Amino acid sequence: MAPLYSHLLAILATSTTFQLFTTATPTSNQKRQAAGVPAYVLSYAPKVWLQSQDPYSPSDIGAQLAHTKPKVNFQAVNGAPNPLTLDNLASLNNLGGANVYLTSVDDVTTNPPWLKGVKPDSNGKTNGATSCAVIVNDHGSGNVDAYYMYFYAFNQGNTVFGQEIGDHVGDWEHNMIRFKNGVPQALWYGTGLTGNVFLAYVWNRYSQHDYGEAFTYSCVEKQGLRPVTYSAKGSHASYATNGIHDHTIPGVNLPAGPIEDHCDQGTLWDPVASAYFYSYDAPSNSFKAYDGISPTNWLQYIGKWGDQQYPDSDSRQKKIFGISATAKYTSGPTGPEDKFLNRPDVCPPKDGTTCFISPILRP
């Protein structure tokens, strides 16, 4: 693309309203929620290809609370709000804090319908489900990070040695775009580590959402100005490229191997078509809704968004060779507050690693 043409597109993106870059006609609610959001945060918002065979679509964030009960050590939390809502969720921080698990009221092995989420319509919208939260951290001097948080009610893990491992209730994934003066510089694709049996166990670094990749904006696939993300079947790990991704080795994305994520162009999801929009103030660790109405309390919740890992005594639980890291059912994840919203680099900080931003699109 000619430099002058690229420059004109960037100017257009920073000065044009969100509606020009969507195929759907925005509802009054969408307009209200997006009011005040920097135009470039919306103009460059990622679109997500959901894998064609994935039975678990994006889910309504608030609906998760209607199908779960807060527990600590598998016991109901005394004094928990009833009903639990996005306006009071953080009150659980004083009733168990990080040890609270939003535990399914249904047996997940029966695959209740609410786990399956809402399939986006032909315009990419999850109708009736607010399944994304956009969080904007303005560092000043034209430096802005926009976090696009994607929510799914269930994570289906990989199959290893004939056994599915790493299933859990609740699943948060995200992209982050770093902007300079309204122009996107680089993107983070969070790919997770679900299902890593070998090195993760040996290193005692098993985690559901520790890894990913960073790319320059100029090199990634796009639809118009909007970068494309590929969501892997079941795990919903976010990748910059289509196809097969092996993650046997933590932090290394290989084109094939024993522990694979599978991506394709199944259903196109436009996360910001049904989203909450927030600004984040790092010094006070506080959030403000751009529309002044959307709930903010839930963003401070430090507990888990799913069941606690079932003990070996639970008949639903299975492990390979008794190895804990190969459990079929693992604990649910933490939410957006735990995603390093004030990170110095495009990559989340991790001991012993350097943030590499690839200028070439690769698996």
Protein backbone atom coordinates (compact mmCIF):
# COMPACT_ATOMS: atom_id res chain seq x y z
CA MET A 1 0.00 0.00 0.00
CA ALA A 2 1.37 3.43 -0.90
CA PRO A 3 2.52 5.46 2.13
CA LEU A 4 0.22 8.38 1.26
CA TYR A 5 -2.80 6.08 0.97
CA SER A 6 -1.98 4.44 4.31
CA HIS A 7 -1.68 7.85 5.94
CA LEU A 8 -5.06 8.95 4.59
CA LEU A 9 -6.69 5.79 5.91
CA ALA A 10 -5.22 6.38 9.35
CA ILE A 11 -6.57 9.95 9.39
CA LEU A 12 -9.97 8.72 8.27
CA ALA A 13 -10.03 6.07 11.02
CA THR A 14 -9.22 8.53 13.78
CA SER A 15 -11.82 11.08 12.71
CA THR A 16 -14.74 8.91 11.67
CA THR A 17 -17.44 7.43 13.83
CA PHE A 18 -17.76 3.74 14.56
CA GLN A 19 -20.84 3.28 12.38
CA LEU A 20 -18.89 3.74 9.13
CA PHE A 21 -16.85 0.60 9.80
CA THR A 22 -19.62 -1.85 10.65
CA THR A 23 -21.92 -3.69 8.33
CA ALA A 24 -24.82 -3.72 10.78
CA THR A 25 -26.97 -0.70 11.53
CA PRO A 26 -26.15 0.23 15.15
CA THR A 27 -28.99 0.10 17.65
CA SER A 28 -29.63 2.98 20.04
CA ASN A 29 -28.11 0.88 22.81
CA GLN A 30 -24.93 0.32 20.79
CA LYS A 31 -24.65 4.04 20.10
CA ARG A 32 -25.12 4.82 23.78
CA GLN A 33 -22.52 2.30 24.94
CA ALA A 34 -19.93 3.43 22.37
CA ALA A 35 -20.44 7.15 22.96
CA GLY A 36 -17.18 8.81 23.98
CA VAL A 37 -14.97 5.86 23.04
CA PRO A 38 -12.00 7.02 20.96
CA ALA A 39 -13.00 6.54 17.32
CA TYR A 40 -9.80 4.70 16.47
CA VAL A 41 -10.44 2.10 19.22
CA LEU A 42 -13.60 1.15 17.36
CA SER A 43 -12.35 1.63 13.81
CA TYR A 44 -9.45 -0.78 14.39
CA ALA A 45 -11.32 -3.22 16.66
CA PRO A 46 -10.50 -6.85 15.82
CA LYS A 47 -12.93 -9.16 14.13
CA VAL A 48 -12.84 -12.80 15.21
CA TRP A 49 -13.24 -15.93 13.11
CA LEU A 50 -14.88 -18.60 15.28
CA GLN A 51 -13.90 -22.14 14.33
CA SER A 52 -16.60 -23.89 12.29
CA GLN A 53 -16.89 -26.97 14.54
CA ASP A 54 -16.64 -25.17 17.88
CA PRO A 55 -19.80 -25.89 19.91
CA TYR A 56 -19.02 -23.10 22.42
CA SER A 57 -19.76 -19.61 21.15
CA PRO A 58 -19.25 -16.26 22.90
CA SER A 59 -21.48 -15.82 25.94
CA ASP A 60 -23.21 -13.08 27.87
CA ILE A 61 -20.96 -11.94 30.71
CA GLY A 62 -23.79 -11.29 33.15
CA ALA A 63 -25.64 -14.52 32.35
CA GLN A 64 -22.71 -16.48 33.80
CA LEU A 65 -23.79 -15.28 37.23
CA ALA A 66 -27.32 -16.62 36.77
CA HIS A 67 -25.99 -20.14 36.21
CA THR A 68 -23.35 -20.24 38.94
CA LYS A 69 -23.03 -19.94 42.72
CA PRO A 70 -19.95 -18.60 44.51
CA LYS A 71 -18.04 -21.25 46.44
CA VAL A 72 -14.80 -21.51 48.40
CA ASN A 73 -13.31 -24.98 48.78
CA PHE A 74 -16.51 -26.37 47.24
CA GLN A 75 -18.64 -24.78 49.97
CA ALA A 76 -21.21 -22.05 49.34
CA VAL A 77 -20.07 -18.57 50.33
CA ASN A 78 -22.02 -17.34 53.33
CA GLY A 79 -23.37 -13.83 52.96
CA ALA A 80 -23.00 -13.72 49.17
CA PRO A 81 -25.40 -11.35 47.41
CA ASN A 82 -28.53 -12.96 46.05
CA PRO A 83 -29.02 -12.45 43.23
CA LEU A 84 -25.40 -12.03 42.20
CA THR A 85 -25.07 -9.40 39.46
CA LEU A 86 -22.42 -7.43 37.62
CA ASP A 87 -23.21 -4.56 39.99
CA ASN A 88 -22.28 -6.48 43.17
CA LEU A 89 -19.88 -9.23 42.05
CA ALA A 90 -16.81 -7.58 43.58
CA SER A 91 -18.39 -7.83 47.04
CA LEU A 92 -17.12 -11.42 46.94
CA ASN A 93 -13.60 -10.03 47.32
CA ASN A 94 -14.37 -9.65 51.04
CA LEU A 95 -15.90 -13.13 51.25
CA GLY A 96 -13.05 -15.27 50.00
CA GLY A 97 -11.32 -13.06 47.44
CA ALA A 98 -9.15 -14.98 45.00
CA ASN A 99 -10.38 -18.27 46.49
CA VAL A 100 -13.95 -17.70 45.26
CA TYR A 101 -15.09 -19.82 42.32
CA LEU A 102 -18.26 -19.12 40.37
CA THR A 103 -19.43 -22.72 40.37
CA SER A 104 -21.94 -24.12 37.89
CA VAL A 105 -25.31 -25.04 39.39
CA ASP A 106 -25.58 -27.68 36.66
CA ASP A 107 -23.46 -30.77 36.14
CA VAL A 108 -21.23 -29.64 33.28
CA THR A 109 -20.96 -33.20 31.96
CA THR A 110 -24.61 -32.86 30.87
CA ASN A 111 -23.54 -29.94 28.64
CA PRO A 112 -26.35 -27.55 29.65
CA PRO A 113 -27.41 -25.15 26.88
CA TRP A 114 -26.07 -22.01 28.58
CA LEU A 115 -22.50 -23.28 28.17
CA LYS A 116 -22.88 -23.08 24.40
CA GLY A 117 -23.26 -19.30 24.29
CA VAL A 118 -24.77 -17.30 21.42
CA LYS A 119 -23.75 -17.80 17.81
CA PRO A 120 -23.19 -14.47 16.05
CA ASP A 121 -25.73 -13.47 13.40
CA SER A 122 -24.96 -12.61 9.79
CA ASN A 123 -23.70 -9.19 10.92
CA GLY A 124 -21.39 -10.74 13.52
CA LYS A 125 -23.45 -9.66 16.53
CA THR A 126 -24.23 -11.91 19.52
CA ASN A 127 -27.83 -10.85 19.84
CA GLY A 128 -29.05 -10.64 23.42
CA ALA A 129 -25.57 -11.29 24.78
CA THR A 130 -22.95 -8.73 25.79
CA SER A 131 -19.95 -10.95 25.21
CA CYS A 132 -17.08 -8.45 25.05
CA ALA A 133 -15.58 -5.74 27.25
CA VAL A 134 -13.35 -3.08 25.70
CA ILE A 135 -10.99 -1.44 28.20
CA VAL A 136 -8.96 1.62 27.23
CA ASN A 137 -5.83 2.67 29.13
CA ASP A 138 -4.58 6.10 28.10
CA HIS A 139 -0.93 6.39 29.19
CA GLY A 140 -0.65 9.97 27.99
CA SER A 141 1.51 11.54 25.27
CA GLY A 142 -0.58 9.83 22.59
CA ASN A 143 0.10 6.31 23.95
CA VAL A 144 -3.07 4.27 24.35
CA ASP A 145 -3.66 0.55 24.90
CA ALA A 146 -7.06 -0.94 24.03
CA TYR A 147 -7.95 -4.34 25.44
CA TYR A 148 -10.65 -6.36 23.70
CA MET A 149 -11.82 -8.96 26.23
CA TYR A 150 -13.80 -11.91 24.88
CA PHE A 151 -15.99 -14.07 27.11
CA TYR A 152 -17.11 -17.68 26.67
CA ALA A 153 -19.07 -19.72 29.21
CA PHE A 154 -16.97 -22.83 28.64
CA ASN A 155 -13.48 -23.82 27.53
CA GLN A 156 -13.05 -27.22 25.88
CA GLY A 157 -9.48 -28.43 26.19
CA ASN A 158 -7.25 -30.40 23.85
CA THR A 159 -7.25 -34.17 23.43
CA VAL A 160 -4.01 -35.87 24.46
CA PHE A 161 -3.46 -39.65 24.44
CA GLY A 162 -7.16 -40.02 23.71
CA GLN A 163 -8.28 -37.93 26.69
CA GLU A 164 -9.63 -34.42 26.72
CA ILE A 165 -7.79 -32.25 29.21
CA GLY A 166 -8.10 -28.67 30.40
CA ASP A 167 -11.88 -28.25 30.29
CA HIS A 168 -13.17 -25.46 32.52
CA VAL A 169 -16.23 -23.31 33.12
CA GLY A 170 -15.67 -19.69 32.13
CA ASP A 171 -13.14 -18.50 29.56
CA TRP A 172 -11.61 -15.07 29.08
CA GLU A 173 -9.47 -14.36 26.01
CA HIS A 174 -8.19 -11.08 24.63
CA ASN A 175 -6.44 -9.00 22.06
CA MET A 176 -4.61 -5.82 22.92
CA ILE A 177 -3.79 -3.07 20.43
CA ARG A 178 -1.19 -0.43 21.23
CA PHE A 179 -1.86 2.94 19.60
CA LYS A 180 0.36 5.98 19.10
CA ASN A 181 -1.53 9.17 18.30
CA GLY A 182 -4.51 7.14 17.15
CA VAL A 183 -2.51 4.89 14.82
CA PRO A 184 -2.18 1.17 15.69
CA GLN A 185 1.39 0.01 16.24
CA ALA A 186 1.17 -3.60 17.43
CA LEU A 187 -1.23 -6.31 18.60
CA TRP A 188 -1.16 -8.97 21.28
CA TYR A 189 -2.87 -12.31 20.62
CA GLY A 190 -3.41 -14.29 23.82
CA THR A 191 -3.07 -17.98 22.99
CA GLY A 192 -3.01 -19.59 26.43
CA LEU A 193 -1.39 -22.84 27.48
CA THR A 194 -4.40 -25.09 27.97
CA GLY A 195 -3.59 -28.74 27.58
CA ASN A 196 0.20 -28.58 27.80
CA VAL A 197 1.25 -31.88 29.29
CA PHE A 198 4.96 -32.20 28.76
CA LEU A 199 7.16 -29.18 29.46
CA ALA A 200 4.53 -27.28 31.41
CA TYR A 201 4.30 -30.02 33.99
CA VAL A 202 8.04 -30.51 34.19
CA TRP A 203 8.57 -26.78 34.66
CA ASN A 204 5.65 -26.46 37.10
CA ARG A 205 4.38 -23.56 35.00
CA TYR A 206 0.98 -24.89 34.01
CA SER A 207 -1.42 -22.04 33.32
CA GLN A 208 -4.50 -21.53 31.19
CA HIS A 209 -3.68 -18.10 29.87
CA ASP A 210 0.02 -17.34 30.10
CA TYR A 211 1.22 -17.23 26.54
CA GLY A 212 0.62 -15.54 23.23
CA GLU A 213 2.23 -13.64 20.39
CA ALA A 214 2.75 -10.03 19.38
CA PHE A 215 2.80 -8.67 15.83
CA THR A 216 3.11 -5.30 14.20
CA TYR A 217 -0.22 -3.98 12.96
CA SER A 218 1.16 -3.61 9.45
CA CYS A 219 1.79 -7.34 9.02
CA VAL A 220 -1.44 -8.87 10.36
CA GLU A 221 -4.43 -9.97 8.30
CA LYS A 222 -7.19 -7.37 8.13
CA GLN A 223 -10.70 -6.72 6.90
CA GLY A 224 -10.49 -3.11 5.87
CA LEU A 225 -8.70 -1.45 8.79
CA ARG A 226 -9.74 -4.09 11.30
CA PRO A 227 -7.27 -6.84 12.24
CA VAL A 228 -8.45 -10.43 12.11
CA THR A 229 -8.20 -12.91 14.98
CA TYR A 230 -8.70 -16.66 14.70
CA SER A 231 -10.35 -18.31 17.71
CA ALA A 232 -9.29 -21.93 18.19
CA LYS A 233 -11.87 -24.68 18.49
CA GLY A 234 -12.89 -25.18 22.12
CA SER A 235 -9.96 -23.42 23.75
CA HIS A 236 -10.76 -20.07 22.07
CA ALA A 237 -7.07 -19.21 22.06
CA SER A 238 -6.52 -16.16 19.83
CA TYR A 239 -4.21 -16.56 16.85
CA ALA A 240 -3.12 -14.22 14.10
CA THR A 241 -3.22 -16.93 11.43
CA ASN A 242 -5.58 -19.60 10.21
CA GLY A 243 -4.90 -23.34 10.37
CA ILE A 244 -3.26 -25.66 12.91
CA HIS A 245 -1.20 -24.43 15.85
CA ASP A 246 0.77 -26.77 18.07
CA HIS A 247 1.68 -25.51 21.55
CA THR A 248 3.46 -28.49 23.07
CA ILE A 249 6.38 -26.20 23.91
CA PRO A 250 5.25 -23.26 26.08
CA GLY A 251 5.51 -19.97 24.22
CA VAL A 252 6.30 -21.64 20.89
CA ASN A 253 3.65 -21.83 18.16
CA LEU A 254 4.38 -24.68 15.76
CA PRO A 255 2.43 -25.66 12.61
CA ALA A 256 1.84 -29.24 13.80
CA GLY A 257 2.45 -31.51 16.78
CA PRO A 258 0.83 -33.59 19.52
CA ILE A 259 -1.10 -30.73 21.18
CA GLU A 260 -2.90 -28.78 18.51
CA ASP A 261 -5.34 -25.90 18.32
CA HIS A 262 -7.45 -25.75 15.17
CA CYS A 263 -8.64 -22.54 13.51
CA ASP A 264 -10.66 -21.82 10.40
CA GLN A 265 -13.07 -19.27 8.95
CA GLY A 266 -16.28 -20.58 10.45
CA THR A 267 -18.49 -17.76 11.76
CA LEU A 268 -17.29 -14.17 11.75
CA TRP A 269 -17.83 -12.43 15.10
CA ASP A 270 -17.75 -8.68 15.59
CA PRO A 271 -17.14 -8.39 19.35
CA VAL A 272 -17.68 -4.62 19.61
CA ALA A 273 -21.17 -4.96 18.12
CA SER A 274 -22.33 -6.08 21.57
CA ALA A 275 -19.85 -4.90 24.18
CA TYR A 276 -19.28 -2.82 27.28
CA PHE A 277 -16.81 0.06 26.91
CA TYR A 278 -14.60 1.31 29.73
CA SER A 279 -11.68 3.58 30.45
CA TYR A 280 -9.11 2.38 32.97
CA ASP A 281 -7.15 4.57 35.37
CA ALA A 282 -4.01 2.70 36.41
CA PRO A 283 -2.97 4.82 39.44
CA SER A 284 -6.32 4.26 41.14
CA ASN A 285 -6.95 0.85 39.54
CA SER A 286 -10.44 2.01 38.66
CA PHE A 287 -12.80 1.71 35.73
CA LYS A 288 -15.31 4.15 34.26
CA ALA A 289 -18.04 3.25 31.80
CA TYR A 290 -18.02 5.50 28.77
CA ASP A 291 -21.81 5.58 28.75
CA GLY A 292 -22.02 6.24 32.49
CA ILE A 293 -24.51 3.39 32.88
CA SER A 294 -22.82 0.05 32.15
CA PRO A 295 -21.84 -1.90 35.29
CA THR A 296 -18.27 -1.46 36.52
CA ASN A 297 -18.28 -3.30 39.86
CA TRP A 298 -17.65 -6.70 38.26
CA LEU A 299 -14.34 -5.55 36.79
CA GLN A 300 -12.85 -5.44 40.31
CA TYR A 301 -13.74 -9.07 41.06
CA ILE A 302 -10.54 -11.04 41.81
CA GLY A 303 -12.02 -14.52 42.03
CA LYS A 304 -12.46 -17.17 39.34
CA TRP A 305 -15.11 -17.27 36.65
CA GLY A 306 -15.74 -21.01 36.83
CA ASP A 307 -15.62 -24.15 38.95
CA GLN A 308 -12.66 -25.08 41.11
CA GLN A 309 -10.71 -28.03 39.72
CA TYR A 310 -12.59 -31.14 40.71
CA PRO A 311 -10.75 -33.38 43.19
CA ASP A 312 -9.62 -36.87 42.26
CA SER A 313 -12.49 -38.22 44.38
CA ASP A 314 -14.99 -36.65 41.97
CA SER A 315 -16.09 -39.26 39.44
CA ARG A 316 -16.01 -36.64 36.68
CA GLN A 317 -12.30 -36.03 37.11
CA LYS A 318 -9.73 -37.92 35.06
CA LYS A 319 -5.95 -37.59 34.72
CA ILE A 320 -3.25 -39.13 32.56
CA PHE A 321 -0.90 -41.23 34.69
CA GLY A 322 -2.18 -39.32 37.73
CA ILE A 323 -0.42 -36.12 36.62
CA SER A 324 -2.23 -33.08 38.01
CA ALA A 325 -1.49 -30.94 34.96
CA THR A 326 -3.38 -33.41 32.77
CA ALA A 327 -6.70 -33.11 34.62
CA LYS A 328 -9.76 -33.25 32.40
CA TYR A 329 -11.42 -30.50 34.45
CA THR A 330 -9.34 -27.57 35.65
CA SER A 331 -10.21 -24.41 37.54
CA GLY A 332 -11.93 -21.48 35.89
CA PRO A 333 -9.89 -18.38 34.95
CA THR A 334 -9.54 -14.97 36.49
CA GLY A 335 -11.18 -12.03 34.75
CA PRO A 336 -10.05 -8.83 33.04
CA GLU A 337 -8.57 -7.28 36.19
CA ASP A 338 -5.84 -9.94 36.11
CA LYS A 339 -4.76 -9.34 32.51
CA PHE A 340 -2.00 -6.76 33.16
CA LEU A 341 -4.00 -3.74 32.08
CA ASN A 342 -1.07 -1.41 32.70
CA ARG A 343 1.67 -3.46 31.05
CA PRO A 344 4.81 -1.64 29.89
CA ASP A 345 5.17 -3.80 26.79
CA VAL A 346 2.69 -5.12 24.26
CA CYS A 347 3.20 -8.57 25.78
CA PRO A 348 2.12 -9.27 29.36
CA PRO A 349 5.14 -9.35 31.70
CA LYS A 350 6.60 -12.81 32.34
CA ASP A 351 9.78 -13.65 34.23
CA GLY A 352 12.72 -14.50 32.02
CA THR A 353 11.07 -13.55 28.75
CA THR A 354 11.47 -10.61 26.39
CA CYS A 355 8.57 -9.17 24.44
CA PHE A 356 9.22 -9.83 20.76
CA ILE A 357 6.95 -8.05 18.29
CA SER A 358 7.16 -9.93 15.02
CA PRO A 359 7.18 -7.79 11.85
CA ILE A 360 6.29 -10.90 9.82
CA LEU A 361 2.99 -12.77 10.00
CA ARG A 362 3.69 -16.39 10.90
CA PRO A 363 2.09 -19.26 12.85
